[in-house]
Structure formats: C-alpha cells, structure tokens
Amino acid sequence: MLKGLIGRKIGMTQIFDENGAAVPVTLIEAGPCFVSQVKTVETDGYNAVQLAFGEAKPKRLTKAHLGHLKVNDLPPVKVLREFRTKKLDEIQAGDKLDASVFAAGEHVDVVGISKGKGFAGSVKRYGFKGGPRTHGQSDRMRSPGSSGSGTTPGRVFKGKRRPGHMGDVQVTSSHIRVAMVDPERNLIAVQGSVPGPKGGTVVIKEARKQ
C-alpha cells in the first residue's frame, strides 16, 4: 500500500499518553485522497502515484484540470501531488485513500510551505550574533558585518547569507512520530510542529530516515 497522503493543517493541541504526560501534537486533516494517475516506467520513465485532495467548485478549476480528473470519474479536487514509489501492486487510478494508511507509532516526513515573514535582517533570518554592544557603537548592533574581501576576489560570493525574503519556502519536518490516527474523521495527530499556517496544505509520507 502507498504510504503517503495529502492533508490540511488544522492546528496544534495536546493529548495525553498512557502515562498521563501531555504530548504537544499537530492535527492534520489527512484525506480522503483519490488516486488520479498511476505512472509507470514503461509509460513515463519512472514509477509514481499522483494523489488528488481538497474538493473545490468546478468553476475554480481549469478545463484541463477537470478533464484530467474526469478520465477516472473523480470529483473536482484542486490539489495534486506525486509520490514516487518502487512498488505499484494493487494501486489503481480511482482508488480512495484515507488516514488508515498510517498507524500510531510510525514515523513520517511532513512537507509544507513555511509561513512568509517578509523582508528580514540577517540576525533574525540566520541567527547572526551582530556587533558588540559597547565602545560607543550605536548603529551596528544588528549588522552582519563585512561581507566581501579586498583585492582578491574583490566581490561578494553568490549565496552569501544576507538580509532578504524570509520564509515562504518548502520545508520538511523529518522523522516525526504519529501520535494518533482517527480514520473516521480523517484525522492524524503528529508529535510536535509542522511547517505552514493553519489551513495550509501539507504532504505526509513515510519517513525517509527509518
């Protein structure tokens, strides 16, 4: 069975384990997801399963998108994501997957788009120390300091950590534990935090580092 789902982040709460200890968890509405396409080495050069999630009004989707879903008689759903897999046994287009794909105690990777923070300085963006707070300095406390060198190479290298747009990038929370699974309500609770705002789309897949 494919170990992957698309979901929507609901928010954080806490549950209590068998010892009565409070465990911080993030609730994710995981599924139901539909298999919208199965890719094989013969047809596409690699094995993958495309899942669809999040029902939407048909007028919000393009004709090409609706036509792609109509091939397998699927409802109008807006989010499509691909999952690479080595085995395609028993996976067919049109199948429906829910939260029961995962079980409590397993470890997963959760991928999402982090919250955008806008323009940020290097101290906030990268945790730079900043300049000294003494000796009459008044305007260099949160400065990154010197960036380039002298005659050689006489420029600033590409990729230098500088002030700029912070957040709004793809982030993966690796190897986090599944604390609870509720297939009836399509809920999965994972221990700790996951990237993105409430209502953000996330992808849950089997942990790469087992």
C-alpha atoms as a PDB file:
ATOM      1  CA  MET A   1       0.000   0.000   0.000  1.00  0.00           C
ATOM      2  CA  LEU A   2       1.171   3.529  -0.782  1.00  0.00           C
ATOM      3  CA  LYS A   3       2.409   5.264   2.389  1.00  0.00           C
ATOM      4  CA  GLY A   4       1.503   8.842   1.528  1.00  0.00           C
ATOM      5  CA  LEU A   5      -1.341  11.343   1.861  1.00  0.00           C
ATOM      6  CA  ILE A   6      -2.145  14.988   1.209  1.00  0.00           C
ATOM      7  CA  GLY A   7      -3.698  16.892   4.093  1.00  0.00           C
ATOM      8  CA  ARG A   8      -4.648  20.235   5.593  1.00  0.00           C
ATOM      9  CA  LYS A   9      -3.064  21.557   8.770  1.00  0.00           C
ATOM     10  CA  ILE A  10      -5.756  22.239  11.384  1.00  0.00           C
ATOM     11  CA  GLY A  11      -3.592  23.494  14.249  1.00  0.00           C
ATOM     12  CA  MET A  12      -1.842  22.436  17.442  1.00  0.00           C
ATOM     13  CA  THR A  13      -3.266  20.946  20.621  1.00  0.00           C
ATOM     14  CA  GLN A  14      -2.212  18.374  23.205  1.00  0.00           C
ATOM     15  CA  ILE A  15      -3.142  14.810  24.015  1.00  0.00           C
ATOM     16  CA  PHE A  16      -2.241  12.631  26.999  1.00  0.00           C
ATOM     17  CA  ASP A  17      -0.287   9.404  26.642  1.00  0.00           C
ATOM     18  CA  GLU A  18      -0.716   6.198  28.647  1.00  0.00           C
ATOM     19  CA  ASN A  19       1.461   7.625  31.426  1.00  0.00           C
ATOM     20  CA  GLY A  20      -0.645  10.770  31.740  1.00  0.00           C
ATOM     21  CA  ALA A  21       2.015  13.041  30.225  1.00  0.00           C
ATOM     22  CA  ALA A  22       0.873  15.878  27.952  1.00  0.00           C
ATOM     23  CA  VAL A  23       2.138  15.471  24.371  1.00  0.00           C
ATOM     24  CA  PRO A  24       2.055  18.511  22.028  1.00  0.00           C
ATOM     25  CA  VAL A  25       0.636  17.474  18.650  1.00  0.00           C
ATOM     26  CA  THR A  26      -0.384  18.990  15.334  1.00  0.00           C
ATOM     27  CA  LEU A  27      -3.741  17.879  13.936  1.00  0.00           C
ATOM     28  CA  ILE A  28      -3.871  17.256  10.199  1.00  0.00           C
ATOM     29  CA  GLU A  29      -6.999  16.555   8.158  1.00  0.00           C
ATOM     30  CA  ALA A  30      -5.462  13.782   6.049  1.00  0.00           C
ATOM     31  CA  GLY A  31      -7.592  12.742   3.118  1.00  0.00           C
ATOM     32  CA  PRO A  32      -9.708  11.408   1.713  1.00  0.00           C
ATOM     33  CA  CYS A  33      -7.327  11.334  -1.252  1.00  0.00           C
ATOM     34  CA  PHE A  34      -8.055   9.906  -4.686  1.00  0.00           C
ATOM     35  CA  VAL A  35      -5.540   8.215  -6.989  1.00  0.00           C
ATOM     36  CA  SER A  36      -5.786  10.442 -10.061  1.00  0.00           C
ATOM     37  CA  GLN A  37      -2.971   8.839 -12.083  1.00  0.00           C
ATOM     38  CA  VAL A  38      -0.529   5.944 -11.909  1.00  0.00           C
ATOM     39  CA  LYS A  39       2.792   6.459 -13.693  1.00  0.00           C
ATOM     40  CA  THR A  40       4.984   3.512 -14.699  1.00  0.00           C
ATOM     41  CA  VAL A  41       8.483   3.055 -16.066  1.00  0.00           C
ATOM     42  CA  GLU A  42       7.003   1.885 -19.375  1.00  0.00           C
ATOM     43  CA  THR A  43       4.798   4.946 -19.929  1.00  0.00           C
ATOM     44  CA  ASP A  44       6.576   7.764 -18.067  1.00  0.00           C
ATOM     45  CA  GLY A  45      10.089   6.534 -17.310  1.00  0.00           C
ATOM     46  CA  TYR A  46       9.525   6.182 -13.556  1.00  0.00           C
ATOM     47  CA  ASN A  47       7.060   4.772 -11.042  1.00  0.00           C
ATOM     48  CA  ALA A  48       4.836   7.247  -9.223  1.00  0.00           C
ATOM     49  CA  VAL A  49       1.307   7.691  -7.920  1.00  0.00           C
ATOM     50  CA  GLN A  50      -0.498  11.008  -8.268  1.00  0.00           C
ATOM     51  CA  LEU A  51      -2.979  11.817  -5.492  1.00  0.00           C
ATOM     52  CA  ALA A  52      -5.772  14.418  -5.514  1.00  0.00           C
ATOM     53  CA  PHE A  53      -7.154  16.164  -2.416  1.00  0.00           C
ATOM     54  CA  GLY A  54      -9.456  19.017  -1.423  1.00  0.00           C
ATOM     55  CA  GLU A  55     -12.815  19.242  -3.165  1.00  0.00           C
ATOM     56  CA  ALA A  56     -13.490  22.546  -4.903  1.00  0.00           C
ATOM     57  CA  LYS A  57     -16.122  24.202  -7.082  1.00  0.00           C
ATOM     58  CA  PRO A  58     -15.680  23.161 -10.726  1.00  0.00           C
ATOM     59  CA  LYS A  59     -15.613  26.814 -11.842  1.00  0.00           C
ATOM     60  CA  ARG A  60     -12.462  27.309  -9.742  1.00  0.00           C
ATOM     61  CA  LEU A  61     -10.544  24.725 -11.815  1.00  0.00           C
ATOM     62  CA  THR A  62      -9.284  24.829 -15.379  1.00  0.00           C
ATOM     63  CA  LYS A  63     -10.813  22.684 -18.112  1.00  0.00           C
ATOM     64  CA  ALA A  64      -7.555  20.744 -18.434  1.00  0.00           C
ATOM     65  CA  HIS A  65      -7.578  20.016 -14.691  1.00  0.00           C
ATOM     66  CA  LEU A  66     -11.226  18.875 -14.778  1.00  0.00           C
ATOM     67  CA  GLY A  67     -10.584  16.759 -17.875  1.00  0.00           C
ATOM     68  CA  HIS A  68      -7.649  15.053 -16.170  1.00  0.00           C
ATOM     69  CA  LEU A  69      -9.885  14.091 -13.232  1.00  0.00           C
ATOM     70  CA  LYS A  70     -12.816  13.081 -15.433  1.00  0.00           C
ATOM     71  CA  VAL A  71     -10.741  10.290 -17.014  1.00  0.00           C
ATOM     72  CA  ASN A  72     -11.169   8.298 -13.786  1.00  0.00           C
ATOM     73  CA  ASP A  73     -14.594   9.740 -12.802  1.00  0.00           C
ATOM     74  CA  LEU A  74     -13.156  11.715  -9.874  1.00  0.00           C
ATOM     75  CA  PRO A  75     -14.868  14.693  -8.211  1.00  0.00           C
ATOM     76  CA  PRO A  76     -13.406  18.199  -8.733  1.00  0.00           C
ATOM     77  CA  VAL A  77     -10.396  18.413  -6.402  1.00  0.00           C
ATOM     78  CA  LYS A  78      -7.793  21.159  -6.530  1.00  0.00           C
ATOM     79  CA  VAL A  79      -4.545  19.777  -5.030  1.00  0.00           C
ATOM     80  CA  LEU A  80      -2.475  17.240  -6.997  1.00  0.00           C
ATOM     81  CA  ARG A  81       0.776  15.775  -5.673  1.00  0.00           C
ATOM     82  CA  GLU A  82       3.047  12.963  -6.864  1.00  0.00           C
ATOM     83  CA  PHE A  83       4.542  10.232  -4.705  1.00  0.00           C
ATOM     84  CA  ARG A  84       7.463   8.197  -6.033  1.00  0.00           C
ATOM     85  CA  THR A  85       7.217   4.511  -5.214  1.00  0.00           C
ATOM     86  CA  LYS A  86       9.072   1.334  -6.140  1.00  0.00           C
ATOM     87  CA  LYS A  87       6.029  -0.954  -5.993  1.00  0.00           C
ATOM     88  CA  LEU A  88       2.726  -0.301  -7.723  1.00  0.00           C
ATOM     89  CA  ASP A  89       0.939  -3.501  -6.660  1.00  0.00           C
ATOM     90  CA  GLU A  90      -2.774  -3.114  -6.063  1.00  0.00           C
ATOM     91  CA  ILE A  91      -2.730   0.635  -6.767  1.00  0.00           C
ATOM     92  CA  GLN A  92      -5.206   1.692  -9.451  1.00  0.00           C
ATOM     93  CA  ALA A  93      -6.445   5.042 -10.685  1.00  0.00           C
ATOM     94  CA  GLY A  94      -9.711   5.946  -8.979  1.00  0.00           C
ATOM     95  CA  ASP A  95      -8.808   4.325  -5.635  1.00  0.00           C
ATOM     96  CA  LYS A  96      -9.592   6.235  -2.440  1.00  0.00           C
ATOM     97  CA  LEU A  97      -7.120   6.533   0.450  1.00  0.00           C
ATOM     98  CA  ASP A  98      -7.834   7.721   3.985  1.00  0.00           C
ATOM     99  CA  ALA A  99      -5.968   8.234   7.277  1.00  0.00           C
ATOM    100  CA  SER A 100      -5.834   4.463   7.926  1.00  0.00           C
ATOM    101  CA  VAL A 101      -2.794   4.365   5.604  1.00  0.00           C
ATOM    102  CA  PHE A 102      -0.743   5.285   8.694  1.00  0.00           C
ATOM    103  CA  ALA A 103      -0.764   3.875  12.231  1.00  0.00           C
ATOM    104  CA  ALA A 104       0.077   5.373  15.607  1.00  0.00           C
ATOM    105  CA  GLY A 105       3.734   4.926  16.496  1.00  0.00           C
ATOM    106  CA  GLU A 106       5.021   5.169  12.913  1.00  0.00           C
ATOM    107  CA  HIS A 107       7.409   7.914  11.827  1.00  0.00           C
ATOM    108  CA  VAL A 108       6.648  10.211   8.897  1.00  0.00           C
ATOM    109  CA  ASP A 109       8.024  13.213   6.997  1.00  0.00           C
ATOM    110  CA  VAL A 110       5.663  16.183   6.691  1.00  0.00           C
ATOM    111  CA  VAL A 111       6.304  18.651   3.853  1.00  0.00           C
ATOM    112  CA  GLY A 112       4.721  22.107   3.720  1.00  0.00           C
ATOM    113  CA  ILE A 113       5.303  25.743   2.756  1.00  0.00           C
ATOM    114  CA  SER A 114       6.603  27.745   5.726  1.00  0.00           C
ATOM    115  CA  LYS A 115       4.962  30.984   6.847  1.00  0.00           C
ATOM    116  CA  GLY A 116       6.205  34.036   4.955  1.00  0.00           C
ATOM    117  CA  LYS A 117       7.937  36.584   7.209  1.00  0.00           C
ATOM    118  CA  GLY A 118       8.621  39.262   4.598  1.00  0.00           C
ATOM    119  CA  PHE A 119      11.949  41.097   4.440  1.00  0.00           C
ATOM    120  CA  ALA A 120      14.177  40.239   7.418  1.00  0.00           C
ATOM    121  CA  GLY A 121      17.671  41.177   8.521  1.00  0.00           C
ATOM    122  CA  SER A 122      20.467  38.632   8.838  1.00  0.00           C
ATOM    123  CA  VAL A 123      20.199  38.475  12.653  1.00  0.00           C
ATOM    124  CA  LYS A 124      16.578  37.337  12.514  1.00  0.00           C
ATOM    125  CA  ARG A 125      16.904  35.363   9.281  1.00  0.00           C
ATOM    126  CA  TYR A 126      20.042  33.361  10.112  1.00  0.00           C
ATOM    127  CA  GLY A 127      20.649  33.941  13.817  1.00  0.00           C
ATOM    128  CA  PHE A 128      23.785  36.080  13.362  1.00  0.00           C
ATOM    129  CA  LYS A 129      25.332  37.401  16.571  1.00  0.00           C
ATOM    130  CA  GLY A 130      25.541  41.042  15.463  1.00  0.00           C
ATOM    131  CA  GLY A 131      28.185  43.552  16.502  1.00  0.00           C
ATOM    132  CA  PRO A 132      29.402  44.393  20.021  1.00  0.00           C
ATOM    133  CA  ARG A 133      27.111  46.469  22.243  1.00  0.00           C
ATOM    134  CA  THR A 134      29.934  48.559  23.721  1.00  0.00           C
ATOM    135  CA  HIS A 135      32.644  51.140  22.814  1.00  0.00           C
ATOM    136  CA  GLY A 136      30.261  53.823  21.645  1.00  0.00           C
ATOM    137  CA  GLN A 137      28.701  51.764  18.864  1.00  0.00           C
ATOM    138  CA  SER A 138      25.132  52.788  18.134  1.00  0.00           C
ATOM    139  CA  ASP A 139      24.337  51.640  14.593  1.00  0.00           C
ATOM    140  CA  ARG A 140      25.995  48.222  14.081  1.00  0.00           C
ATOM    141  CA  MET A 141      24.397  46.075  16.777  1.00  0.00           C
ATOM    142  CA  ARG A 142      22.291  44.016  14.350  1.00  0.00           C
ATOM    143  CA  SER A 143      24.560  44.341  11.339  1.00  0.00           C
ATOM    144  CA  PRO A 144      26.007  41.261   9.578  1.00  0.00           C
ATOM    145  CA  GLY A 145      29.461  42.844   9.442  1.00  0.00           C
ATOM    146  CA  SER A 146      31.831  42.745   6.490  1.00  0.00           C
ATOM    147  CA  SER A 147      30.687  40.578   3.560  1.00  0.00           C
ATOM    148  CA  GLY A 148      33.412  40.764   0.936  1.00  0.00           C
ATOM    149  CA  SER A 149      37.201  40.761   0.939  1.00  0.00           C
ATOM    150  CA  GLY A 150      39.851  43.063  -0.504  1.00  0.00           C
ATOM    151  CA  THR A 151      41.656  42.776  -3.819  1.00  0.00           C
ATOM    152  CA  THR A 152      41.076  39.033  -4.099  1.00  0.00           C
ATOM    153  CA  PRO A 153      38.387  38.221  -5.048  1.00  0.00           C
ATOM    154  CA  GLY A 154      37.147  41.800  -4.614  1.00  0.00           C
ATOM    155  CA  ARG A 155      33.473  40.827  -4.618  1.00  0.00           C
ATOM    156  CA  VAL A 156      30.802  39.071  -2.566  1.00  0.00           C
ATOM    157  CA  PHE A 157      30.283  35.409  -3.423  1.00  0.00           C
ATOM    158  CA  LYS A 158      26.853  34.229  -4.578  1.00  0.00           C
ATOM    159  CA  GLY A 159      24.825  32.544  -1.849  1.00  0.00           C
ATOM    160  CA  LYS A 160      26.232  34.732   0.924  1.00  0.00           C
ATOM    161  CA  ARG A 161      23.796  34.855   3.834  1.00  0.00           C
ATOM    162  CA  ARG A 162      22.385  38.365   3.666  1.00  0.00           C
ATOM    163  CA  PRO A 163      19.138  40.185   4.571  1.00  0.00           C
ATOM    164  CA  GLY A 164      16.221  39.217   2.333  1.00  0.00           C
ATOM    165  CA  HIS A 165      12.859  37.490   1.987  1.00  0.00           C
ATOM    166  CA  MET A 166      12.385  35.115   4.924  1.00  0.00           C
ATOM    167  CA  GLY A 167      10.072  32.100   4.867  1.00  0.00           C
ATOM    168  CA  ASP A 168       7.546  31.063   2.181  1.00  0.00           C
ATOM    169  CA  VAL A 169       9.731  28.127   1.124  1.00  0.00           C
ATOM    170  CA  GLN A 170       9.224  24.362   1.135  1.00  0.00           C
ATOM    171  CA  VAL A 171      10.213  22.849   4.474  1.00  0.00           C
ATOM    172  CA  THR A 172      10.280  19.196   5.567  1.00  0.00           C
ATOM    173  CA  SER A 173       9.806  18.118   9.180  1.00  0.00           C
ATOM    174  CA  SER A 174      11.680  14.822   9.202  1.00  0.00           C
ATOM    175  CA  HIS A 175      11.060  11.660  11.201  1.00  0.00           C
ATOM    176  CA  ILE A 176       8.201  12.859  13.399  1.00  0.00           C
ATOM    177  CA  ARG A 177       6.068  10.377  15.280  1.00  0.00           C
ATOM    178  CA  VAL A 178       2.410   9.703  14.539  1.00  0.00           C
ATOM    179  CA  ALA A 179       0.692  10.064  17.913  1.00  0.00           C
ATOM    180  CA  MET A 180      -2.906   9.280  16.902  1.00  0.00           C
ATOM    181  CA  VAL A 181      -4.927   8.189  13.862  1.00  0.00           C
ATOM    182  CA  ASP A 182      -8.700   8.658  13.536  1.00  0.00           C
ATOM    183  CA  PRO A 183      -9.805   7.261  10.116  1.00  0.00           C
ATOM    184  CA  GLU A 184     -13.497   8.007  10.772  1.00  0.00           C
ATOM    185  CA  ARG A 185     -12.808  11.752  10.968  1.00  0.00           C
ATOM    186  CA  ASN A 186      -9.783  11.657   8.613  1.00  0.00           C
ATOM    187  CA  LEU A 187      -7.508  12.996  11.338  1.00  0.00           C
ATOM    188  CA  ILE A 188      -3.839  12.331  12.004  1.00  0.00           C
ATOM    189  CA  ALA A 189      -2.022  13.826  15.019  1.00  0.00           C
ATOM    190  CA  VAL A 190       1.755  14.082  14.709  1.00  0.00           C
ATOM    191  CA  GLN A 191       4.010  14.872  17.636  1.00  0.00           C
ATOM    192  CA  GLY A 192       5.474  18.381  17.517  1.00  0.00           C
ATOM    193  CA  SER A 193       5.075  21.116  14.928  1.00  0.00           C
ATOM    194  CA  VAL A 194       4.832  21.016  11.141  1.00  0.00           C
ATOM    195  CA  PRO A 195       5.574  23.820   8.651  1.00  0.00           C
ATOM    196  CA  GLY A 196       2.963  26.255   7.385  1.00  0.00           C
ATOM    197  CA  PRO A 197      -0.046  28.202   8.650  1.00  0.00           C
ATOM    198  CA  LYS A 198      -3.386  26.816   9.814  1.00  0.00           C
ATOM    199  CA  GLY A 199      -5.292  25.657   6.745  1.00  0.00           C
ATOM    200  CA  GLY A 200      -2.071  25.140   4.794  1.00  0.00           C
ATOM    201  CA  THR A 201      -1.639  22.121   2.530  1.00  0.00           C
ATOM    202  CA  VAL A 202       0.875  19.511   3.715  1.00  0.00           C
ATOM    203  CA  VAL A 203       2.138  16.219   2.328  1.00  0.00           C
ATOM    204  CA  ILE A 204       2.595  13.264   4.701  1.00  0.00           C
ATOM    205  CA  LYS A 205       4.836  10.433   3.591  1.00  0.00           C
ATOM    206  CA  GLU A 206       6.789   7.560   5.070  1.00  0.00           C
ATOM    207  CA  ALA A 207       9.918   8.784   6.859  1.00  0.00           C
ATOM    208  CA  ARG A 208      12.975   8.630   4.615  1.00  0.00           C
ATOM    209  CA  LYS A 209      15.292   8.077   7.600  1.00  0.00           C
ATOM    210  CA  GLN A 210      13.991   4.879   9.137  1.00  0.00           C
END
